[in-house]
Amino acid sequence: ETTRCAVELKVLIEQMREQIQNIE
């Protein structure tokens, strides 16, 4: 369970990073 949550968090962070780069 914990590892799955960590993986989902990692994916969310990566998506946010891409969105920020697109804004810039």
PDB file of N, CA and C in Angstrom:
ATOM      1  N   GLU A   1       0.840  -1.207   0.000  1.00  0.00           N
ATOM      2  CA  GLU A   1       0.000   0.000   0.000  1.00  0.00           C
ATOM      3  C   GLU A   1       0.879   1.264   0.000  1.00  0.00           C
ATOM      4  N   THR A   2       1.837   1.294   0.912  1.00  0.00           N
ATOM      5  CA  THR A   2       2.684   2.497   1.009  1.00  0.00           C
ATOM      6  C   THR A   2       3.445   2.741  -0.289  1.00  0.00           C
ATOM      7  N   THR A   3       4.000   1.669  -0.838  1.00  0.00           N
ATOM      8  CA  THR A   3       4.780   1.848  -2.076  1.00  0.00           C
ATOM      9  C   THR A   3       3.871   2.342  -3.196  1.00  0.00           C
ATOM     10  N   ARG A   4       2.650   1.826  -3.255  1.00  0.00           N
ATOM     11  CA  ARG A   4       1.728   2.266  -4.312  1.00  0.00           C
ATOM     12  C   ARG A   4       1.439   3.758  -4.150  1.00  0.00           C
ATOM     13  N   CYS A   5       1.216   4.194  -2.938  1.00  0.00           N
ATOM     14  CA  CYS A   5       0.958   5.623  -2.686  1.00  0.00           C
ATOM     15  C   CYS A   5       2.167   6.439  -3.126  1.00  0.00           C
ATOM     16  N   ALA A   6       3.348   5.958  -2.795  1.00  0.00           N
ATOM     17  CA  ALA A   6       4.571   6.687  -3.154  1.00  0.00           C
ATOM     18  C   ALA A   6       4.682   6.800  -4.669  1.00  0.00           C
ATOM     19  N   VAL A   7       4.381   5.714  -5.365  1.00  0.00           N
ATOM     20  CA  VAL A   7       4.465   5.736  -6.835  1.00  0.00           C
ATOM     21  C   VAL A   7       3.457   6.727  -7.397  1.00  0.00           C
ATOM     22  N   GLU A   8       2.247   6.714  -6.876  1.00  0.00           N
ATOM     23  CA  GLU A   8       1.225   7.651  -7.375  1.00  0.00           C
ATOM     24  C   GLU A   8       1.665   9.088  -7.120  1.00  0.00           C
ATOM     25  N   LEU A   9       2.245   9.338  -5.943  1.00  0.00           N
ATOM     26  CA  LEU A   9       2.727  10.687  -5.630  1.00  0.00           C
ATOM     27  C   LEU A   9       3.809  11.088  -6.621  1.00  0.00           C
ATOM     28  N   LYS A  10       4.724  10.159  -6.896  1.00  0.00           N
ATOM     29  CA  LYS A  10       5.816  10.455  -7.831  1.00  0.00           C
ATOM     30  C   LYS A  10       5.250  10.836  -9.190  1.00  0.00           C
ATOM     31  N   VAL A  11       4.258  10.086  -9.648  1.00  0.00           N
ATOM     32  CA  VAL A  11       3.652  10.376 -10.959  1.00  0.00           C
ATOM     33  C   VAL A  11       3.004  11.757 -10.939  1.00  0.00           C
ATOM     34  N   LEU A  12       2.294  12.068  -9.862  1.00  0.00           N
ATOM     35  CA  LEU A  12       1.637  13.377  -9.771  1.00  0.00           C
ATOM     36  C   LEU A  12       2.673  14.490  -9.824  1.00  0.00           C
ATOM     37  N   ILE A  13       3.769  14.322  -9.080  1.00  0.00           N
ATOM     38  CA  ILE A  13       4.819  15.354  -9.060  1.00  0.00           C
ATOM     39  C   ILE A  13       5.397  15.532 -10.457  1.00  0.00           C
ATOM     40  N   GLU A  14       5.636  14.421 -11.149  1.00  0.00           N
ATOM     41  CA  GLU A  14       6.198  14.521 -12.507  1.00  0.00           C
ATOM     42  C   GLU A  14       5.232  15.268 -13.418  1.00  0.00           C
ATOM     43  N   GLN A  15       3.942  14.981 -13.298  1.00  0.00           N
ATOM     44  CA  GLN A  15       2.951  15.671 -14.137  1.00  0.00           C
ATOM     45  C   GLN A  15       2.950  17.168 -13.826  1.00  0.00           C
ATOM     46  N   MET A  16       3.029  17.513 -12.544  1.00  0.00           N
ATOM     47  CA  MET A  16       3.059  18.930 -12.162  1.00  0.00           C
ATOM     48  C   MET A  16       4.292  19.601 -12.753  1.00  0.00           C
ATOM     49  N   ARG A  17       5.427  18.906 -12.699  1.00  0.00           N
ATOM     50  CA  ARG A  17       6.659  19.475 -13.264  1.00  0.00           C
ATOM     51  C   ARG A  17       6.461  19.782 -14.742  1.00  0.00           C
ATOM     52  N   GLU A  18       5.872  18.846 -15.476  1.00  0.00           N
ATOM     53  CA  GLU A  18       5.661  19.059 -16.913  1.00  0.00           C
ATOM     54  C   GLU A  18       4.758  20.268 -17.139  1.00  0.00           C
ATOM     55  N   GLN A  19       3.712  20.403 -16.333  1.00  0.00           N
ATOM     56  CA  GLN A  19       2.801  21.540 -16.495  1.00  0.00           C
ATOM     57  C   GLN A  19       3.545  22.845 -16.240  1.00  0.00           C
ATOM     58  N   ILE A  20       4.383  22.870 -15.208  1.00  0.00           N
ATOM     59  CA  ILE A  20       5.144  24.089 -14.890  1.00  0.00           C
ATOM     60  C   ILE A  20       6.072  24.435 -16.047  1.00  0.00           C
ATOM     61  N   GLN A  21       6.736  23.428 -16.615  1.00  0.00           N
ATOM     62  CA  GLN A  21       7.645  23.683 -17.735  1.00  0.00           C
ATOM     63  C   GLN A  21       6.852  24.229 -18.920  1.00  0.00           C
ATOM     64  N   ASN A  22       5.654  23.708 -19.138  1.00  0.00           N
ATOM     65  CA  ASN A  22       4.837  24.181 -20.262  1.00  0.00           C
ATOM     66  C   ASN A  22       4.467  25.645 -20.052  1.00  0.00           C
ATOM     67  N   ILE A  23       4.170  26.033 -18.807  1.00  0.00           N
ATOM     68  CA  ILE A  23       3.809  27.427 -18.526  1.00  0.00           C
ATOM     69  C   ILE A  23       4.988  28.334 -18.839  1.00  0.00           C
ATOM     70  N   GLU A  24       6.182  27.891 -18.442  1.00  0.00           N
ATOM     71  CA  GLU A  24       7.378  28.694 -18.708  1.00  0.00           C
ATOM     72  C   GLU A  24       7.680  28.645 -20.204  1.00  0.00           C
TER      73      GLU A  24
END
